[in-house]
Protein backbone atom coordinates (compact mmCIF):
# COMPACT_ATOMS: atom_id res chain seq x y z
CA MET A 1 -3.63 4.68 14.67
CA HIS A 2 -3.50 2.76 12.06
CA ALA A 3 -2.89 5.25 9.02
CA LEU A 4 0.60 3.90 8.17
CA SER A 5 2.29 0.45 9.30
CA VAL A 6 5.64 -1.25 8.32
CA ALA A 7 5.06 -4.60 7.30
CA PRO A 8 5.99 -7.64 8.76
CA MET A 9 9.19 -8.77 6.64
CA LEU A 10 10.92 -12.08 7.89
CA ASP A 11 14.34 -11.57 8.52
CA TRP A 12 13.66 -8.02 8.25
CA THR A 13 12.01 -6.16 10.87
CA ASP A 14 13.47 -7.87 13.94
CA ARG A 15 13.76 -5.40 17.30
CA HIS A 16 16.87 -3.58 15.28
CA ALA A 17 14.89 -2.34 12.69
CA ARG A 18 12.22 -1.85 14.99
CA TYR A 19 13.70 0.24 16.90
CA PHE A 20 15.50 2.57 13.85
CA TYR A 21 11.71 3.48 12.55
CA ARG A 22 10.76 4.42 15.62
CA VAL A 23 13.44 6.74 15.76
CA LEU A 24 12.28 7.59 12.86
CA SER A 25 8.26 7.70 12.97
CA LYS A 26 6.54 8.17 16.52
CA ARG A 27 3.55 7.05 14.93
CA THR A 28 3.54 4.75 12.50
CA VAL A 29 2.90 0.90 13.84
CA LEU A 30 5.37 -1.41 13.74
CA TYR A 31 5.29 -5.09 13.42
CA THR A 32 7.60 -7.72 14.50
CA GLU A 33 8.65 -10.93 11.74
CA MET A 34 5.97 -13.34 11.66
CA VAL A 35 6.63 -15.80 14.67
CA THR A 36 4.83 -19.35 14.59
CA THR A 37 3.22 -20.24 17.45
CA GLY A 38 6.05 -23.83 17.46
CA ALA A 39 8.83 -21.26 17.98
CA ILE A 40 6.84 -19.25 20.91
CA LEU A 41 5.82 -22.32 22.75
CA PHE A 42 9.02 -24.64 22.08
CA GLY A 43 11.60 -22.65 20.63
CA LYS A 44 14.90 -22.08 22.23
CA GLY A 45 15.45 -18.54 21.43
CA ASP A 46 13.36 -15.51 23.20
CA TYR A 47 11.52 -14.88 19.98
CA LEU A 48 9.46 -11.99 21.45
CA SER A 49 11.88 -9.55 23.08
CA PHE A 50 11.58 -5.98 22.23
CA ASN A 51 12.55 -2.22 22.82
CA GLU A 52 9.87 -0.46 25.32
CA GLU A 53 10.36 2.32 22.66
CA GLU A 54 8.96 0.26 19.91
CA HIS A 55 5.37 0.80 20.67
CA PRO A 56 2.34 0.68 19.47
CA VAL A 57 4.00 -3.23 18.03
CA VAL A 58 2.41 -5.90 16.83
CA LEU A 59 3.17 -9.37 16.77
CA GLN A 60 2.56 -11.29 13.74
CA LEU A 61 2.02 -14.80 14.66
CA GLY A 62 1.36 -18.23 12.20
CA GLY A 63 -0.14 -20.59 13.37
CA SER A 64 -3.59 -22.62 12.98
CA ASP A 65 -3.72 -24.71 16.13
CA VAL A 66 -6.39 -22.61 17.74
CA ASN A 67 -5.58 -24.09 21.47
CA ALA A 68 -1.66 -22.82 20.70
CA MET A 69 -2.91 -19.43 19.11
CA VAL A 70 -4.74 -19.23 22.60
CA GLU A 71 -1.62 -20.26 24.67
CA CYS A 72 0.62 -18.06 22.69
CA ALA A 73 -1.86 -14.65 22.49
CA LYS A 74 -1.53 -14.43 26.27
CA ILE A 75 2.01 -14.47 26.43
CA ALA A 76 2.06 -12.02 24.29
CA GLU A 77 -0.32 -9.95 25.95
CA GLN A 78 1.54 -10.32 29.30
CA GLN A 79 4.96 -9.70 27.50
CA GLY A 80 2.94 -6.15 26.30
CA TYR A 81 2.68 -6.03 22.71
CA ASP A 82 -0.75 -3.90 22.12
CA GLU A 83 -2.13 -5.84 19.20
CA ILE A 84 -1.59 -9.91 18.04
CA ASN A 85 -2.31 -10.40 13.88
CA ILE A 86 -2.94 -13.70 11.93
CA ASN A 87 -1.33 -14.54 9.32
CA VAL A 88 -3.08 -15.79 6.31
CA GLY A 89 -1.19 -14.04 3.74
CA CYS A 90 2.40 -15.05 3.74
CA PRO A 91 2.37 -18.50 0.61
CA SER A 92 5.73 -20.02 1.38
CA ASP A 93 5.74 -23.99 1.29
CA ARG A 94 6.92 -24.32 4.49
CA VAL A 95 4.44 -21.70 5.86
CA GLN A 96 1.59 -24.11 3.93
CA ASN A 97 3.40 -27.02 5.08
CA GLY A 98 2.29 -25.67 8.49
CA ARG A 99 -0.87 -25.20 7.39
CA PHE A 100 -1.12 -21.71 8.13
CA GLY A 101 -0.97 -18.67 6.07
CA ALA A 102 -2.07 -18.01 3.14
CA CYS A 103 -3.61 -21.20 2.82
CA LEU A 104 -6.38 -20.18 5.42
CA MET A 105 -8.26 -18.16 3.62
CA SER A 106 -10.09 -21.10 2.19
CA GLU A 107 -10.49 -22.25 6.20
CA PRO A 108 -12.12 -18.85 7.09
CA GLN A 109 -14.08 -20.99 9.54
CA LEU A 110 -11.15 -22.44 11.76
CA VAL A 111 -9.22 -18.46 11.55
CA ALA A 112 -12.95 -17.23 13.27
CA GLN A 113 -12.38 -19.73 16.13
CA CYS A 114 -8.64 -18.30 16.16
CA VAL A 115 -9.86 -14.75 16.44
CA SER A 116 -12.65 -15.71 18.62
CA GLU A 117 -10.82 -17.74 20.94
CA MET A 118 -8.01 -15.31 20.95
CA GLN A 119 -9.92 -12.40 21.93
CA SER A 120 -12.11 -14.31 24.83
CA ALA A 121 -9.06 -15.31 26.60
CA THR A 122 -7.25 -11.29 25.77
CA ASN A 123 -7.55 -7.92 26.49
CA ILE A 124 -6.19 -6.76 23.33
CA PRO A 125 -7.04 -6.45 19.66
CA VAL A 126 -6.70 -9.27 17.78
CA THR A 127 -5.94 -8.11 13.60
CA VAL A 128 -6.05 -10.25 10.36
CA LYS A 129 -3.56 -9.65 7.28
CA SER A 130 -4.76 -11.61 3.87
CA ARG A 131 -4.49 -11.54 0.42
CA ILE A 132 -7.30 -10.85 -2.03
CA GLY A 133 -7.60 -14.69 -3.14
CA ILE A 134 -5.80 -18.03 -3.49
CA ASP A 135 -5.37 -19.89 -6.61
CA ASP A 136 -8.44 -19.49 -8.62
CA GLN A 137 -10.25 -18.74 -5.51
CA ASP A 138 -10.22 -15.76 -6.40
CA SER A 139 -13.24 -14.23 -7.14
CA TYR A 140 -14.93 -11.01 -5.01
CA GLU A 141 -17.54 -13.52 -3.24
CA PHE A 142 -13.92 -16.12 -2.32
CA LEU A 143 -13.20 -11.98 -0.44
CA HIS A 144 -16.22 -11.25 0.85
CA THR A 145 -17.19 -14.09 2.67
CA PHE A 146 -13.62 -14.45 4.06
CA ILE A 147 -13.98 -11.05 5.69
CA ASP A 148 -17.73 -11.46 6.75
CA THR A 149 -16.73 -14.88 8.44
CA VAL A 150 -13.89 -13.86 10.20
CA ALA A 151 -15.52 -10.01 10.92
CA ARG A 152 -18.40 -12.23 12.53
CA ALA A 153 -16.23 -13.74 15.20
CA GLY A 154 -14.73 -10.04 16.36
CA CYS A 155 -12.36 -9.40 14.12
CA GLN A 156 -12.48 -5.40 14.24
CA HIS A 157 -8.81 -4.58 11.55
CA PHE A 158 -8.02 -6.42 8.40
CA ILE A 159 -4.58 -5.81 6.31
CA ILE A 160 -5.23 -6.96 2.67
CA HIS A 161 -2.47 -7.51 0.15
CA ALA A 162 -4.14 -6.50 -2.65
CA ARG A 163 -2.39 -9.36 -4.38
CA LYS A 164 -4.04 -12.99 -4.51
CA ALA A 165 -1.10 -15.82 -3.71
CA TRP A 166 -0.59 -18.29 -5.82
CA LEU A 167 0.25 -21.71 -2.95
CA SER A 168 2.54 -23.13 -5.90
CA GLY A 169 4.33 -22.28 -8.96
CA LEU A 170 5.71 -18.86 -7.23
CA SER A 171 8.61 -18.62 -4.76
CA PRO A 172 7.26 -16.04 -2.50
CA LYS A 173 9.05 -13.16 -3.83
CA GLN A 174 7.48 -13.59 -6.89
CA ASN A 175 3.78 -13.64 -4.82
CA ARG A 176 5.26 -10.17 -3.99
CA GLU A 177 5.34 -9.45 -7.53
CA VAL A 178 3.69 -11.35 -9.51
CA PRO A 179 0.05 -11.36 -9.30
CA PRO A 180 -1.37 -8.05 -10.18
CA LEU A 181 -2.50 -5.36 -8.07
CA ASP A 182 -6.49 -5.14 -7.18
CA TYR A 183 -6.51 -1.96 -4.94
CA GLU A 184 -10.11 -1.29 -6.46
CA ARG A 185 -10.99 -4.85 -4.88
CA VAL A 186 -9.66 -3.60 -1.24
CA TYR A 187 -11.97 -0.24 -1.75
CA GLN A 188 -14.96 -2.72 -2.04
CA ILE A 189 -14.35 -4.50 0.53
CA LYS A 190 -14.25 -0.87 2.70
CA LYS A 191 -17.39 0.24 0.96
CA ASP A 192 -19.22 -3.68 2.00
CA PHE A 193 -17.63 -3.46 5.31
CA ASN A 194 -17.52 0.44 6.75
CA ASN A 195 -17.91 -0.47 10.00
CA LEU A 196 -14.22 -2.51 10.17
CA THR A 197 -10.74 -1.10 9.87
CA ILE A 198 -9.55 -1.59 6.24
CA SER A 199 -5.59 -1.44 6.01
CA ILE A 200 -4.31 -1.72 2.66
CA ASN A 201 -0.70 -3.24 1.08
CA GLY A 202 0.97 -4.01 -1.67
CA GLY A 203 3.20 -1.96 -4.05
CA ILE A 204 2.56 1.43 -1.96
CA LYS A 205 5.83 3.75 -2.44
CA THR A 206 5.34 7.32 -1.52
CA PHE A 207 2.89 9.28 0.95
CA GLU A 208 1.14 10.62 -2.19
CA GLN A 209 0.39 7.10 -2.47
CA SER A 210 -0.46 6.72 0.95
CA GLN A 211 -2.78 9.69 0.97
CA ALA A 212 -4.68 8.63 -2.70
CA HIS A 213 -5.34 5.32 -0.55
CA LEU A 214 -6.45 7.10 2.67
CA GLN A 215 -9.07 8.45 0.39
CA HIS A 216 -10.58 5.10 0.11
CA VAL A 217 -9.54 2.73 3.13
CA ASP A 218 -8.36 3.45 6.70
CA GLY A 219 -4.61 2.26 6.58
CA VAL A 220 -1.68 1.88 4.38
CA MET A 221 0.71 -0.94 5.35
CA ILE A 222 4.43 -0.62 3.57
CA GLY A 223 6.99 -2.81 3.23
CA ARG A 224 9.76 -2.90 1.55
CA GLU A 225 10.07 0.04 0.62
CA VAL A 226 10.91 1.62 3.70
CA TYR A 227 13.47 -1.06 4.33
CA GLN A 228 14.84 0.32 1.61
CA ASN A 229 14.72 3.53 2.04
CA PRO A 230 14.50 3.97 5.68
CA TYR A 231 14.30 7.80 5.84
CA LEU A 232 11.31 7.90 4.05
CA LEU A 233 9.76 7.34 7.55
CA ALA A 234 11.29 10.61 8.85
CA GLU A 235 8.58 12.77 7.59
CA ALA A 236 5.52 10.43 8.27
CA ASP A 237 4.39 12.00 11.69
CA GLN A 238 4.29 15.58 9.86
CA ILE A 239 2.37 14.25 6.67
CA LEU A 240 -0.18 11.38 7.43
CA TRP A 241 -0.47 12.35 11.01
CA GLY A 242 0.18 16.70 10.92
CA ASP A 243 2.36 16.86 13.57
CA ASN A 244 4.34 20.41 13.93
CA THR A 245 7.41 18.48 15.55
CA PRO A 246 10.63 19.19 13.19
CA VAL A 247 11.34 16.22 11.22
CA LEU A 248 14.60 14.50 11.92
CA SER A 249 18.13 15.12 10.14
CA ARG A 250 20.17 12.10 9.15
CA GLU A 251 22.38 13.12 11.82
CA GLU A 252 20.26 13.33 14.19
CA VAL A 253 19.20 9.84 13.59
CA ILE A 254 22.57 8.64 13.33
CA GLU A 255 23.40 10.26 16.33
CA THR A 256 20.14 8.39 18.20
CA MET A 257 21.40 5.02 16.78
CA SER A 258 24.53 4.88 17.80
CA ASP A 259 23.56 5.38 21.96
CA TYR A 260 21.37 2.27 21.05
CA ILE A 261 24.01 0.81 18.91
CA ASP A 262 26.63 1.01 22.32
CA ARG A 263 23.84 -0.30 24.19
CA TYR A 264 23.40 -3.17 22.41
CA VAL A 265 27.64 -3.72 22.00
CA SER A 266 28.29 -3.52 25.53
CA ASN A 267 25.48 -6.31 25.75
CA GLY A 268 27.38 -8.54 23.60
CA GLY A 269 25.68 -7.46 20.44
CA ARG A 270 27.28 -6.86 17.13
CA VAL A 271 26.90 -3.27 14.86
CA TRP A 272 26.15 -5.81 11.94
CA HIS A 273 23.20 -6.60 13.87
CA VAL A 274 21.65 -3.16 13.89
CA ALA A 275 23.70 -1.06 11.28
CA ARG A 276 22.35 -4.11 8.64
CA HIS A 277 19.27 -2.36 8.82
CA MET A 278 20.55 1.22 8.07
CA LEU A 279 21.85 0.66 4.97
CA GLY A 280 19.15 2.60 2.52
CA LEU A 281 19.29 5.49 5.26
CA CYS A 282 21.05 7.65 2.88
CA ASN A 283 19.89 6.33 -0.49
CA GLY A 284 19.59 9.27 -3.12
CA LEU A 285 22.70 11.44 -1.58
CA ALA A 286 26.07 11.78 -2.79
CA GLY A 287 28.63 8.98 -1.29
CA ALA A 288 25.76 6.85 -0.32
CA LYS A 289 27.55 3.34 -2.00
CA GLN A 290 30.24 4.35 -0.09
CA PHE A 291 28.31 4.39 3.23
CA ARG A 292 26.68 1.08 2.43
CA ARG A 293 30.28 -0.40 1.53
CA PHE A 294 31.67 0.96 4.34
CA LEU A 295 28.90 -0.55 7.02
CA SER A 296 28.85 -3.80 4.90
CA GLU A 297 32.77 -4.38 5.22
CA ASN A 298 33.27 -3.35 8.72
CA ALA A 299 29.96 -3.44 10.84
CA ASN A 300 31.08 -7.47 11.45
CA LYS A 301 34.51 -7.10 12.67
CA ALA A 302 34.99 -7.46 16.67
CA GLY A 303 35.54 -4.21 18.53
CA ALA A 304 33.66 -2.41 16.03
CA ASN A 305 30.85 -0.01 18.17
CA SER A 306 29.06 2.98 16.94
CA GLU A 307 32.50 5.10 15.95
CA LEU A 308 31.95 3.14 12.60
CA LEU A 309 28.73 4.42 12.05
CA LYS A 310 29.79 7.94 12.16
CA ALA A 311 32.88 7.06 10.13
CA ALA A 312 30.27 5.32 7.67
CA PHE A 313 28.18 8.69 7.66
CA ALA A 314 31.10 10.89 7.22
CA LYS A 315 31.82 9.76 3.21
CA VAL A 316 28.16 11.18 2.31
CA SER A 317 27.66 14.61 1.65
CA TYR A 318 24.66 16.71 0.79
């Protein structure tokens, strides 16, 4: 199931982006943005809404209070999510102040307790997304101990970003780029824990790279490259799963997304909320810049509808 997934990306992988990705690929696993337990339990908005078409869809949860994590797991299951993923990888200050994200790698027993109690309270899998280490706690033994401790609590699937995180001194953006990638360390975890499902994340941009990783691990998670070049996903089912369904053309994608936009606008939404995730759809084609500019300049205007998307696409030539 998890051969390919799209990474949870704050401010990016909302329900509109996920619907778009599901149009492109029927099999790729989709993740929500990280949602905190506080937002779910005390927030004013509906942070868990999703389109039925998005399945399989995973809620990424941020938190460390065991009772709150259990309560949110129950809510997520009731809402229909296929899995819950605990964020043990995000290095931002805001996340650390809430005692969750990458700083939890130094508290494997707490993560294990969350996993154990969340799984006892629900019937859907609870997974963990981590780094390979934090700060000076970056030995292989540190990672091995973390995985071992949390796996013993019942976690069967780990997604490992193959970089360590610096909890101070680097911004979240720098933490995605500055610490060096160490894919071999993730491969070794799979060798040492062959009974677990291990997915790899970090710096992966092509299906050629993905297939090379899949010789060593069970799954590949791609983030920014999908967001910047979403049409990459159009061939995922054929390349990674061997499906024989035809690859959707960009014209077909535009048609399907136009219907979605009109439904959304009729319920009071703005075209931009959807179209902002589609800016990279035509990258690499003549007119791609005009496509992006036309959408950026017009999609937030009152009264805009799907005709705007079609007008933008008319500026592209093959």
